[in-house]
Every structure is written in structure tokens, then in C-alpha cells.
C-alpha atoms as a PDB file:
ATOM      1  CA  MET A   1       2.205  14.515  19.052  1.00  0.00           C
ATOM      2  CA  SER A   2       1.569  17.859  17.431  1.00  0.00           C
ATOM      3  CA  SER A   3       0.830  20.794  19.656  1.00  0.00           C
ATOM      4  CA  THR A   4      -2.707  22.113  19.840  1.00  0.00           C
ATOM      5  CA  SER A   5      -3.954  25.664  20.094  1.00  0.00           C
ATOM      6  CA  GLN A   6      -5.465  27.196  23.207  1.00  0.00           C
ATOM      7  CA  LYS A   7      -8.749  27.312  21.301  1.00  0.00           C
ATOM      8  CA  HIS A   8      -8.526  23.532  20.766  1.00  0.00           C
ATOM      9  CA  ARG A   9      -7.689  22.861  24.414  1.00  0.00           C
ATOM     10  CA  ASP A  10     -10.525  25.094  25.614  1.00  0.00           C
ATOM     11  CA  PHE A  11     -13.046  23.376  23.341  1.00  0.00           C
ATOM     12  CA  VAL A  12     -12.192  19.811  24.298  1.00  0.00           C
ATOM     13  CA  ALA A  13     -12.051  20.623  28.021  1.00  0.00           C
ATOM     14  CA  GLU A  14     -15.818  20.806  28.498  1.00  0.00           C
ATOM     15  CA  PRO A  15     -19.188  19.750  27.061  1.00  0.00           C
ATOM     16  CA  MET A  16     -20.124  21.454  23.797  1.00  0.00           C
ATOM     17  CA  GLY A  17     -23.498  22.861  24.754  1.00  0.00           C
ATOM     18  CA  GLU A  18     -24.607  25.734  22.530  1.00  0.00           C
ATOM     19  CA  LYS A  19     -21.135  26.940  21.530  1.00  0.00           C
ATOM     20  CA  PRO A  20     -21.050  28.843  18.242  1.00  0.00           C
ATOM     21  CA  VAL A  21     -19.280  27.257  15.292  1.00  0.00           C
ATOM     22  CA  GLN A  22     -16.358  29.713  15.661  1.00  0.00           C
ATOM     23  CA  CYS A  23     -15.395  27.966  18.915  1.00  0.00           C
ATOM     24  CA  LEU A  24     -14.112  25.008  16.893  1.00  0.00           C
ATOM     25  CA  ALA A  25     -10.358  24.964  16.334  1.00  0.00           C
ATOM     26  CA  GLY A  26      -9.572  25.963  12.755  1.00  0.00           C
ATOM     27  CA  ILE A  27     -12.819  27.910  12.332  1.00  0.00           C
ATOM     28  CA  GLY A  28     -12.497  31.667  12.554  1.00  0.00           C
ATOM     29  CA  ASP A  29     -14.903  34.447  11.705  1.00  0.00           C
ATOM     30  CA  VAL A  30     -14.726  34.071   7.914  1.00  0.00           C
ATOM     31  CA  LEU A  31     -15.206  30.293   7.826  1.00  0.00           C
ATOM     32  CA  GLY A  32     -17.739  30.591  10.641  1.00  0.00           C
ATOM     33  CA  GLU A  33     -19.864  32.970   8.576  1.00  0.00           C
ATOM     34  CA  ARG A  34     -19.643  30.668   5.552  1.00  0.00           C
ATOM     35  CA  LEU A  35     -20.742  27.706   7.659  1.00  0.00           C
ATOM     36  CA  LYS A  36     -23.562  29.710   9.247  1.00  0.00           C
ATOM     37  CA  ALA A  37     -24.814  30.695   5.797  1.00  0.00           C
ATOM     38  CA  LYS A  38     -25.167  26.972   5.026  1.00  0.00           C
ATOM     39  CA  GLY A  39     -26.997  26.191   8.281  1.00  0.00           C
ATOM     40  CA  PHE A  40     -24.015  25.125  10.404  1.00  0.00           C
ATOM     41  CA  ASP A  41     -24.339  27.838  13.061  1.00  0.00           C
ATOM     42  CA  LYS A  42     -23.420  25.833  16.167  1.00  0.00           C
ATOM     43  CA  ALA A  43     -20.500  23.545  16.922  1.00  0.00           C
ATOM     44  CA  TYR A  44     -22.918  20.673  17.585  1.00  0.00           C
ATOM     45  CA  VAL A  45     -24.314  20.956  14.031  1.00  0.00           C
ATOM     46  CA  VAL A  46     -20.785  20.503  12.631  1.00  0.00           C
ATOM     47  CA  LEU A  47     -20.340  17.620  15.089  1.00  0.00           C
ATOM     48  CA  GLY A  48     -23.447  16.038  13.591  1.00  0.00           C
ATOM     49  CA  GLN A  49     -21.900  16.160  10.128  1.00  0.00           C
ATOM     50  CA  PHE A  50     -18.668  14.758  11.576  1.00  0.00           C
ATOM     51  CA  LEU A  51     -20.628  11.823  13.005  1.00  0.00           C
ATOM     52  CA  ILE A  52     -22.666  11.317   9.811  1.00  0.00           C
ATOM     53  CA  LEU A  53     -19.323  10.949   8.023  1.00  0.00           C
ATOM     54  CA  LYS A  54     -18.433   8.289  10.622  1.00  0.00           C
ATOM     55  CA  LYS A  55     -15.526  10.336  12.006  1.00  0.00           C
ATOM     56  CA  ASP A  56     -13.614   9.709   8.761  1.00  0.00           C
ATOM     57  CA  GLU A  57     -10.787  12.232   8.527  1.00  0.00           C
ATOM     58  CA  GLU A  58     -10.548  12.472   4.751  1.00  0.00           C
ATOM     59  CA  LEU A  59     -14.312  12.698   4.209  1.00  0.00           C
ATOM     60  CA  PHE A  60     -14.708  15.356   6.898  1.00  0.00           C
ATOM     61  CA  LYS A  61     -11.816  17.480   5.656  1.00  0.00           C
ATOM     62  CA  GLU A  62     -13.138  17.252   2.086  1.00  0.00           C
ATOM     63  CA  TRP A  63     -16.627  18.230   3.297  1.00  0.00           C
ATOM     64  CA  LEU A  64     -15.220  21.230   5.194  1.00  0.00           C
ATOM     65  CA  LYS A  65     -13.221  22.306   2.133  1.00  0.00           C
ATOM     66  CA  ASP A  66     -16.293  22.014  -0.109  1.00  0.00           C
ATOM     67  CA  THR A  67     -18.658  23.667   2.373  1.00  0.00           C
ATOM     68  CA  CYS A  68     -16.647  26.685   3.517  1.00  0.00           C
ATOM     69  CA  SER A  69     -13.374  26.625   1.536  1.00  0.00           C
ATOM     70  CA  ALA A  70     -11.301  25.606   4.560  1.00  0.00           C
ATOM     71  CA  ASN A  71      -7.635  25.060   3.799  1.00  0.00           C
ATOM     72  CA  ALA A  72      -5.677  21.953   4.817  1.00  0.00           C
ATOM     73  CA  LYS A  73      -4.554  23.310   8.195  1.00  0.00           C
ATOM     74  CA  GLN A  74      -7.995  24.644   9.114  1.00  0.00           C
ATOM     75  CA  SER A  75      -9.716  21.386   8.228  1.00  0.00           C
ATOM     76  CA  ARG A  76      -7.071  19.322  10.035  1.00  0.00           C
ATOM     77  CA  ASP A  77      -7.402  21.483  13.160  1.00  0.00           C
ATOM     78  CA  CYS A  78     -11.191  21.219  13.120  1.00  0.00           C
ATOM     79  CA  PHE A  79     -11.078  17.446  12.596  1.00  0.00           C
ATOM     80  CA  SER A  80      -8.596  16.967  15.456  1.00  0.00           C
ATOM     81  CA  CYS A  81     -10.684  19.138  17.744  1.00  0.00           C
ATOM     82  CA  LEU A  82     -13.894  17.201  17.091  1.00  0.00           C
ATOM     83  CA  LYS A  83     -12.151  13.822  17.276  1.00  0.00           C
ATOM     84  CA  GLU A  84     -10.593  14.625  20.646  1.00  0.00           C
ATOM     85  CA  TRP A  85     -13.905  15.993  21.930  1.00  0.00           C
ATOM     86  CA  CYS A  86     -15.666  12.763  20.874  1.00  0.00           C
ATOM     87  CA  ASP A  87     -12.977  10.633  22.510  1.00  0.00           C
ATOM     88  CA  ALA A  88     -13.552  12.507  25.767  1.00  0.00           C
ATOM     89  CA  PHE A  89     -17.344  12.871  25.776  1.00  0.00           C
ATOM     90  CA  LEU A  90     -18.898  10.094  23.657  1.00  0.00           C
END
């Protein structure tokens, strides 16, 4: 089991609500601004895309790379964060 960041643990510990996109593990200010510019301003909007892609890791990571130029680690961290959140709350 790989270790997770504090940001990841904080995110998956509670309901998503209206959290901004930068609250997602792997998404900092730069990627957050890129996502916001494309309409993905809240974590739940990115979750929607994650669900549309049927929680498929490769499709989601490719989408994140294409949408905001996320690197492999950033996209992996974001995927893991959303997957764990879904496992806990859906």
C-alpha cells in the first residue's frame, strides 16, 4: 500500500460538499486554475467526470492530462483520492 498525503486523507475523511477543485490530492493552484478555466471549479464537477468515465483509471488519468496537463503522479494521486472517496461515500 502506497502512502497517501495529508491532503488525500483530509479529502476522503468527509463528504465532498462544495470543496474547491484544489482540495483534490494531486491538484494544486496551477492545475486548479487550468481546470477552473475549463469549467471544473469544484471537486464534485471532477467527480462527475470520474463517474462518467466509469471510474476507469487509465481513461481518467488521460482525461486529466489532456484537460490540465497533469503529470503521471498528479493524475495518479487525483484518481486514488476520488476512488477512495467513492468507496467510502457511494
